[in-house]
Amino acid sequence: MFKYDMYNAEALISHLFFLALKGKSVYNGIMLELSVNAKSPLAIAAAFRKIHDMVRTGTLAADAPVHLTLAPGQYHEILSYNLENPLIMESIPGTKPEDCVISAENCEAFHKDTENRSVLVFGLGVTKVTLRGFTIENTHVKTKDDVSLGNQAEALCWHNYKGFLLAENMRFISRQDTVHVKGVSRFKNCYVTGDVDFIWGYCDLSLWENCHIHTREDNRGGDHDAYVLQSRALNGKPGFVFTDCEFTADKREGNSHIYMGRSAGTGKPTSLDRWDSIALINCTISPEYDEALWTDEGGKRAVYPKGSAATGWREYGTKTLGENGHTIAADTSKRSPYGYVMNNKEYFARYASSSLILGAYAAQYEK
């Protein structure tokens, strides 16, 4: 196993000389170990460039896994990774996620399109990525209401349909569009916060387990409604599935509302994507959320499909969080007519375990 410190130039030179002697196939199937330190500017970007250069020159096989360890600290970078090399990117074991932070300001006004406006983006060429034990924050702050100003500002963009993303013990912080995912992803014991559509994307399946999702106060103040999710799931796919998650929120001013999800408004039976597919399984929701839970924004956005056990807006075993910390079964009588409350049979058939939810995707996850 090759360990490489980005800031030991003498070791790098001697190691590359060793590689030249051993030949181009020396790292086929062997993990490349990298470590970075926040004291050096753009340290993670430099590590990504080094991986790219080693693959390009043949000193690292294109399928060789890479393990990148982040020392605690503040990394101020905008990052992009688009290599086939499986990547494990994590803080030093024992580090609190809030003590290892990648942060930058980026948004639609600065760089057009979703894949260009995040702090960390994974591209179409990626195969498998694991993120563990650190924070990604987009520091953009909204200044005006005009949507043309481009307040969309992802912390993480999984711009990939064929690979697999696993995030464990991570924190994702922004305001609008905090986390964007396509394809297949799994989030475990993570924290995410934002105010508008802060979890969204064109996914097959995005599974969230034991996560804390917090709707933060809109920095502009006033009567601004909040929405956790906007699903644009692929046709007939499960979409976003949350199991044993907790949804909390800052109190809003005036007559504003907090909704779990709103429709993209353009899904159809024949459309490739943009299906409103979100499932809440045994989740706890604080009382700040509107009892309707889901919204078509007063009929402005067409909802498709209507909720069922398989797709659409659906829930099972939802609990309401009381002021004293106790939970009670949620009253679903005031839910949006587009939502669906599953029965026990439907729950045990589809959602009783992570393996059931992952289904055919489990093999991809285990590779």
Protein backbone atom coordinates (compact mmCIF):
# COMPACT_ATOMS: atom_id res chain seq x y z
CA MET A 1 0.00 0.00 0.00
CA PHE A 2 1.44 3.34 -1.09
CA LYS A 3 1.29 6.22 1.40
CA TYR A 4 1.91 9.67 -0.01
CA ASP A 5 2.10 12.94 1.93
CA MET A 6 1.31 15.82 -0.42
CA TYR A 7 3.81 18.07 1.33
CA ASN A 8 6.91 15.88 1.44
CA ALA A 9 8.56 16.76 -1.87
CA GLU A 10 11.68 14.68 -1.25
CA ALA A 11 9.60 11.57 -0.55
CA LEU A 12 7.55 12.24 -3.69
CA ILE A 13 10.60 12.44 -5.93
CA SER A 14 12.11 9.25 -4.55
CA HIS A 15 8.81 7.43 -4.78
CA LEU A 16 8.20 8.41 -8.39
CA PHE A 17 11.73 7.20 -9.17
CA PHE A 18 10.82 3.89 -7.52
CA LEU A 19 7.66 3.73 -9.63
CA ALA A 20 9.63 4.28 -12.81
CA LEU A 21 11.84 1.32 -11.92
CA LYS A 22 8.95 -0.98 -11.09
CA GLY A 23 6.84 -0.27 -14.20
CA LYS A 24 3.34 1.07 -14.95
CA SER A 25 1.30 -1.82 -13.51
CA VAL A 26 2.70 -1.67 -9.97
CA TYR A 27 -0.51 -0.18 -8.55
CA ASN A 28 -3.12 -2.26 -10.34
CA GLY A 29 -5.72 -3.18 -7.71
CA ILE A 30 -3.75 -1.64 -4.83
CA MET A 31 -5.06 1.31 -2.82
CA LEU A 32 -3.24 4.62 -3.13
CA GLU A 33 -2.98 6.41 0.22
CA LEU A 34 -2.93 10.22 0.27
CA SER A 35 -3.08 12.68 3.16
CA VAL A 36 -3.57 16.44 3.19
CA ASN A 37 -3.27 19.23 5.73
CA ALA A 38 -5.35 22.42 5.89
CA LYS A 39 -2.22 24.50 6.51
CA SER A 40 -1.37 24.29 2.81
CA PRO A 41 -3.59 26.28 0.42
CA LEU A 42 -5.78 24.29 -1.99
CA ALA A 43 -4.45 21.05 -0.52
CA ILE A 44 -7.35 18.83 -1.63
CA ALA A 45 -7.35 20.23 -5.17
CA ALA A 46 -3.63 19.47 -5.34
CA ALA A 47 -4.31 15.89 -4.25
CA PHE A 48 -7.00 15.49 -6.93
CA ARG A 49 -4.57 16.81 -9.55
CA LYS A 50 -1.90 14.36 -8.39
CA ILE A 51 -4.30 11.42 -8.76
CA HIS A 52 -5.20 12.62 -12.26
CA ASP A 53 -1.55 13.02 -13.25
CA MET A 54 -0.61 9.56 -11.95
CA VAL A 55 -3.46 7.95 -13.91
CA ARG A 56 -2.54 9.93 -17.03
CA THR A 57 1.10 8.89 -16.87
CA GLY A 58 0.30 5.27 -16.08
CA THR A 59 1.88 5.23 -12.61
CA LEU A 60 -1.57 4.51 -11.16
CA ALA A 61 -4.10 2.15 -12.71
CA ALA A 62 -7.40 3.74 -13.68
CA ASP A 63 -9.29 1.27 -11.47
CA ALA A 64 -7.00 1.51 -8.43
CA PRO A 65 -8.85 2.77 -5.32
CA VAL A 66 -7.69 5.95 -3.61
CA HIS A 67 -7.89 6.74 0.10
CA LEU A 68 -7.64 10.47 0.88
CA THR A 69 -7.34 11.44 4.56
CA LEU A 70 -8.06 15.01 5.67
CA ALA A 71 -6.37 16.43 8.74
CA PRO A 72 -8.61 18.62 10.95
CA GLY A 73 -8.91 22.23 9.90
CA GLN A 74 -10.56 24.66 7.48
CA TYR A 75 -10.13 23.96 3.76
CA HIS A 76 -11.26 26.86 1.58
CA GLU A 77 -11.66 25.25 -1.84
CA ILE A 78 -14.07 24.56 -4.70
CA LEU A 79 -13.48 20.98 -5.80
CA SER A 80 -14.24 18.60 -8.66
CA TYR A 81 -13.49 14.88 -8.98
CA ASN A 82 -14.22 12.97 -12.18
CA LEU A 83 -12.03 9.86 -12.24
CA GLU A 84 -12.95 6.17 -12.41
CA ASN A 85 -10.69 5.47 -9.42
CA PRO A 86 -12.91 4.58 -6.44
CA LEU A 87 -12.41 7.25 -3.79
CA ILE A 88 -12.62 7.10 -0.01
CA MET A 89 -12.38 10.63 1.35
CA GLU A 90 -12.51 11.00 5.12
CA SER A 91 -11.21 12.86 8.13
CA ILE A 92 -8.77 11.26 10.55
CA PRO A 93 -10.70 8.71 12.66
CA GLY A 94 -11.96 10.32 15.86
CA THR A 95 -12.27 13.79 14.32
CA LYS A 96 -15.62 15.53 14.81
CA PRO A 97 -17.19 16.47 11.45
CA GLU A 98 -17.43 20.12 12.54
CA ASP A 99 -13.65 20.18 13.11
CA CYS A 100 -12.82 19.30 9.50
CA VAL A 101 -14.54 21.69 7.10
CA ILE A 102 -14.40 22.29 3.36
CA SER A 103 -16.05 25.64 2.65
CA ALA A 104 -16.36 28.17 -0.15
CA GLU A 105 -18.89 30.52 -1.69
CA ASN A 106 -20.35 29.43 -5.02
CA CYS A 107 -23.77 29.82 -6.60
CA GLU A 108 -25.72 30.00 -9.86
CA ALA A 109 -24.94 33.70 -10.17
CA PHE A 110 -21.21 32.89 -10.20
CA HIS A 111 -21.20 29.70 -12.29
CA LYS A 112 -24.17 28.55 -14.36
CA ASP A 113 -25.67 25.04 -14.06
CA THR A 114 -25.87 22.65 -11.14
CA GLU A 115 -22.59 20.84 -11.76
CA ASN A 116 -20.64 24.13 -11.66
CA ARG A 117 -22.07 25.94 -8.64
CA SER A 118 -21.34 23.53 -5.77
CA VAL A 119 -18.41 23.34 -3.35
CA LEU A 120 -17.72 19.68 -4.19
CA VAL A 121 -18.92 18.00 -7.39
CA PHE A 122 -18.48 14.43 -8.57
CA GLY A 123 -18.73 14.03 -12.34
CA LEU A 124 -20.12 11.56 -14.83
CA GLY A 125 -16.95 9.44 -14.92
CA VAL A 126 -16.96 8.55 -11.22
CA THR A 127 -17.61 4.94 -10.13
CA LYS A 128 -17.78 4.75 -6.33
CA VAL A 129 -17.21 7.40 -3.67
CA THR A 130 -17.28 7.24 0.13
CA LEU A 131 -17.34 10.45 2.18
CA ARG A 132 -16.89 10.15 5.92
CA GLY A 133 -16.53 12.40 8.94
CA PHE A 134 -16.26 16.00 7.70
CA THR A 135 -18.31 19.08 6.75
CA ILE A 136 -18.99 20.64 3.35
CA GLU A 137 -20.38 24.16 3.50
CA ASN A 138 -21.41 26.59 0.80
CA THR A 139 -21.23 30.00 2.48
CA HIS A 140 -23.41 31.84 -0.06
CA VAL A 141 -25.97 34.12 1.60
CA LYS A 142 -29.11 35.27 -0.19
CA THR A 143 -29.41 39.00 -0.70
CA LYS A 144 -32.58 39.50 -2.77
CA ASP A 145 -35.71 37.63 -3.85
CA ASP A 146 -35.11 37.77 -7.59
CA VAL A 147 -34.52 34.17 -8.70
CA SER A 148 -32.55 35.39 -11.70
CA LEU A 149 -29.80 36.39 -9.29
CA GLY A 150 -29.02 32.71 -8.86
CA ASN A 151 -29.20 31.84 -5.17
CA GLN A 152 -28.96 28.11 -5.88
CA ALA A 153 -25.82 27.05 -4.05
CA GLU A 154 -25.05 23.35 -3.53
CA ALA A 155 -22.57 22.14 -0.96
CA LEU A 156 -22.48 18.70 -2.64
CA CYS A 157 -23.38 17.77 -6.21
CA TRP A 158 -23.44 14.07 -7.15
CA HIS A 159 -23.63 14.61 -10.92
CA ASN A 160 -23.49 10.93 -11.76
CA TYR A 161 -26.00 8.33 -12.94
CA LYS A 162 -23.95 5.10 -12.95
CA GLY A 163 -21.79 5.18 -9.82
CA PHE A 164 -22.58 4.91 -6.11
CA LEU A 165 -22.18 7.53 -3.38
CA LEU A 166 -21.97 6.64 0.31
CA ALA A 167 -21.87 9.46 2.88
CA GLU A 168 -21.43 8.63 6.57
CA ASN A 169 -21.30 10.99 9.54
CA MET A 170 -21.16 13.99 7.22
CA ARG A 171 -22.48 17.57 7.56
CA PHE A 172 -23.82 19.50 4.54
CA ILE A 173 -24.56 23.20 5.01
CA SER A 174 -25.97 25.81 2.65
CA ARG A 175 -29.26 27.57 2.05
CA GLN A 176 -30.87 26.79 -1.30
CA ASP A 177 -30.18 23.39 -2.97
CA THR A 178 -27.67 22.16 -0.36
CA VAL A 179 -27.43 18.57 -1.65
CA HIS A 180 -28.09 17.54 -5.25
CA VAL A 181 -28.01 13.87 -6.26
CA LYS A 182 -28.53 11.84 -9.38
CA GLY A 183 -28.31 8.06 -9.76
CA VAL A 184 -27.87 6.08 -6.55
CA SER A 185 -26.71 7.39 -3.18
CA ARG A 186 -26.83 6.44 0.49
CA PHE A 187 -26.53 8.80 3.47
CA LYS A 188 -26.05 7.42 7.00
CA ASN A 189 -25.99 9.45 10.22
CA CYS A 190 -25.59 12.73 8.36
CA TYR A 191 -26.72 16.30 9.05
CA VAL A 192 -28.01 18.62 6.34
CA THR A 193 -29.45 22.11 6.56
CA GLY A 194 -30.90 24.69 4.18
CA ASP A 195 -34.08 26.64 3.47
CA VAL A 196 -35.36 25.95 -0.08
CA ASP A 197 -35.25 22.61 -1.96
CA PHE A 198 -32.15 21.80 0.04
CA ILE A 199 -32.28 18.13 -0.83
CA TRP A 200 -33.13 17.55 -4.47
CA GLY A 201 -32.20 15.85 -7.70
CA TYR A 202 -32.82 13.41 -10.54
CA CYS A 203 -32.20 10.21 -8.64
CA ASP A 204 -32.99 6.54 -9.07
CA LEU A 205 -32.70 6.06 -5.32
CA SER A 206 -31.30 8.25 -2.58
CA LEU A 207 -31.52 6.46 0.78
CA TRP A 208 -31.15 8.51 3.98
CA GLU A 209 -30.81 6.58 7.26
CA ASN A 210 -30.76 8.03 10.78
CA CYS A 211 -30.07 11.53 9.49
CA HIS A 212 -30.92 14.93 10.97
CA ILE A 213 -32.47 17.30 8.45
CA HIS A 214 -32.87 20.88 9.66
CA THR A 215 -34.72 23.71 7.91
CA ARG A 216 -32.92 26.90 8.84
CA GLU A 217 -34.32 30.40 9.06
CA ASP A 218 -34.26 32.35 5.79
CA ASN A 219 -31.54 34.97 6.16
CA ARG A 220 -33.70 37.50 4.27
CA GLY A 221 -36.43 37.38 6.92
CA GLY A 222 -40.04 38.05 5.99
CA ASP A 223 -42.69 35.62 4.75
CA HIS A 224 -40.59 33.15 2.78
CA ASP A 225 -41.91 29.61 2.61
CA ALA A 226 -39.44 26.78 3.10
CA TYR A 227 -39.21 23.40 1.36
CA VAL A 228 -36.95 20.54 2.35
CA LEU A 229 -37.23 18.47 -0.82
CA GLN A 230 -37.87 18.74 -4.51
CA SER A 231 -37.75 15.33 -6.12
CA ARG A 232 -37.14 15.01 -9.83
CA ALA A 233 -36.79 11.24 -9.59
CA LEU A 234 -36.50 9.03 -12.64
CA ASN A 235 -39.66 7.52 -14.07
CA GLY A 236 -40.96 4.73 -11.84
CA LYS A 237 -37.97 4.78 -9.46
CA PRO A 238 -38.20 4.98 -5.64
CA GLY A 239 -36.66 8.46 -5.49
CA PHE A 240 -35.78 9.84 -2.06
CA VAL A 241 -36.33 7.46 0.87
CA PHE A 242 -35.82 8.56 4.49
CA THR A 243 -35.78 5.99 7.29
CA ASP A 244 -35.61 6.82 11.00
CA CYS A 245 -34.67 10.43 10.25
CA GLU A 246 -35.46 13.52 12.30
CA PHE A 247 -36.74 16.70 10.66
CA THR A 248 -36.44 19.89 12.71
CA ALA A 249 -36.76 23.58 11.85
CA ASP A 250 -36.20 27.12 13.00
CA LYS A 251 -39.45 29.00 13.55
CA ARG A 252 -40.54 31.16 10.61
CA GLU A 253 -41.76 34.72 10.64
CA GLY A 254 -45.26 35.93 9.73
CA ASN A 255 -47.43 33.71 7.55
CA SER A 256 -44.68 31.61 6.04
CA HIS A 257 -44.90 27.81 5.97
CA ILE A 258 -42.45 24.93 6.09
CA TYR A 259 -43.20 22.00 3.79
CA MET A 260 -41.52 18.64 3.49
CA GLY A 261 -41.68 18.77 -0.29
CA ARG A 262 -42.95 20.66 -3.28
CA SER A 263 -43.44 19.49 -6.82
CA ALA A 264 -41.16 20.22 -9.74
CA GLY A 265 -44.43 20.63 -11.63
CA THR A 266 -43.33 18.95 -14.86
CA GLY A 267 -43.52 15.20 -14.19
CA LYS A 268 -45.66 13.10 -16.52
CA PRO A 269 -46.35 9.38 -17.11
CA THR A 270 -44.03 9.48 -20.12
CA SER A 271 -41.35 11.84 -18.79
CA LEU A 272 -37.86 10.44 -18.23
CA ASP A 273 -37.65 12.05 -14.80
CA ARG A 274 -39.15 14.82 -12.62
CA TRP A 275 -41.38 12.42 -10.70
CA ASP A 276 -42.41 13.61 -7.23
CA SER A 277 -41.19 10.50 -5.40
CA ILE A 278 -40.35 10.85 -1.71
CA ALA A 279 -40.88 8.31 1.10
CA LEU A 280 -40.76 8.99 4.85
CA ILE A 281 -40.38 5.80 6.88
CA ASN A 282 -40.60 5.95 10.68
CA CYS A 283 -39.43 9.56 10.68
CA THR A 284 -39.92 12.21 13.36
CA ILE A 285 -41.08 15.68 12.37
CA SER A 286 -41.08 18.79 14.56
CA PRO A 287 -44.31 20.83 14.86
CA GLU A 288 -42.96 23.75 12.78
CA TYR A 289 -43.81 21.82 9.61
CA ASP A 290 -47.15 22.40 7.93
CA GLU A 291 -49.62 19.59 8.62
CA ALA A 292 -50.28 19.22 4.88
CA LEU A 293 -46.61 18.22 4.59
CA TRP A 294 -46.63 18.40 0.76
CA THR A 295 -47.58 21.31 -1.50
CA ASP A 296 -48.43 22.11 -5.11
CA GLU A 297 -48.08 25.79 -4.16
CA GLY A 298 -51.74 26.59 -4.48
CA GLY A 299 -52.18 24.68 -7.72
CA LYS A 300 -49.26 26.39 -9.46
CA ARG A 301 -47.36 23.11 -9.91
CA ALA A 302 -48.85 19.88 -11.25
CA VAL A 303 -48.02 16.92 -9.00
CA TYR A 304 -47.09 13.58 -10.56
CA PRO A 305 -47.51 10.83 -9.64
CA LYS A 306 -50.07 10.78 -6.88
CA GLY A 307 -48.69 8.93 -3.88
CA SER A 308 -48.67 5.15 -3.68
CA ALA A 309 -46.57 2.54 -1.88
CA ALA A 310 -44.06 2.52 -4.73
CA THR A 311 -43.73 6.13 -5.89
CA GLY A 312 -45.00 9.64 -5.25
CA TRP A 313 -45.25 11.34 -1.86
CA ARG A 314 -45.70 8.62 0.76
CA GLU A 315 -45.12 7.93 4.43
CA TYR A 316 -45.32 5.29 7.13
CA GLY A 317 -45.00 5.46 10.91
CA THR A 318 -44.51 9.23 11.03
CA LYS A 319 -44.15 10.72 14.51
CA THR A 320 -44.51 14.30 15.74
CA LEU A 321 -41.87 15.72 18.06
CA GLY A 322 -43.28 17.45 21.13
CA GLU A 323 -41.75 20.34 23.05
CA ASN A 324 -40.71 18.03 25.87
CA GLY A 325 -38.85 15.74 23.47
CA HIS A 326 -41.50 13.03 23.52
CA THR A 327 -42.96 11.75 20.28
CA ILE A 328 -46.52 10.82 19.36
CA ALA A 329 -48.02 9.26 16.24
CA ALA A 330 -48.56 11.99 13.65
CA ASP A 331 -52.07 13.08 12.74
CA THR A 332 -52.17 12.50 8.97
CA SER A 333 -55.78 13.61 8.50
CA LYS A 334 -54.71 17.03 7.20
CA ARG A 335 -52.14 15.78 4.69
CA SER A 336 -52.16 16.95 1.09
CA PRO A 337 -54.49 14.81 -1.06
CA TYR A 338 -51.47 14.00 -3.23
CA GLY A 339 -49.78 12.19 -0.34
CA TYR A 340 -50.25 8.55 0.65
CA VAL A 341 -50.08 6.82 4.04
CA MET A 342 -48.88 3.22 3.72
CA ASN A 343 -50.29 0.29 5.63
CA ASN A 344 -48.30 -2.40 7.46
CA LYS A 345 -48.35 -4.83 4.56
CA GLU A 346 -46.90 -2.24 2.17
CA TYR A 347 -44.25 -1.24 4.69
CA PHE A 348 -43.03 -4.79 5.33
CA ALA A 349 -43.04 -5.58 1.61
CA ARG A 350 -40.85 -2.62 0.60
CA TYR A 351 -39.32 -0.62 3.46
CA ALA A 352 -38.75 -2.78 6.56
CA SER A 353 -34.97 -2.95 6.03
CA SER A 354 -32.23 -1.18 4.11
CA SER A 355 -31.67 -4.29 1.99
CA LEU A 356 -35.32 -4.24 0.93
CA ILE A 357 -35.09 -0.56 0.02
CA LEU A 358 -31.81 -0.93 -1.86
CA GLY A 359 -33.07 -4.02 -3.67
CA ALA A 360 -31.14 -4.51 -6.90
CA TYR A 361 -28.92 -1.53 -6.01
CA ALA A 362 -27.44 -3.49 -3.08
CA ALA A 363 -25.06 -5.38 -5.38
CA GLN A 364 -23.75 -2.07 -6.70
CA TYR A 365 -23.27 -0.82 -3.13
CA GLU A 366 -21.34 -3.94 -2.08
CA LYS A 367 -18.84 -3.85 -4.99
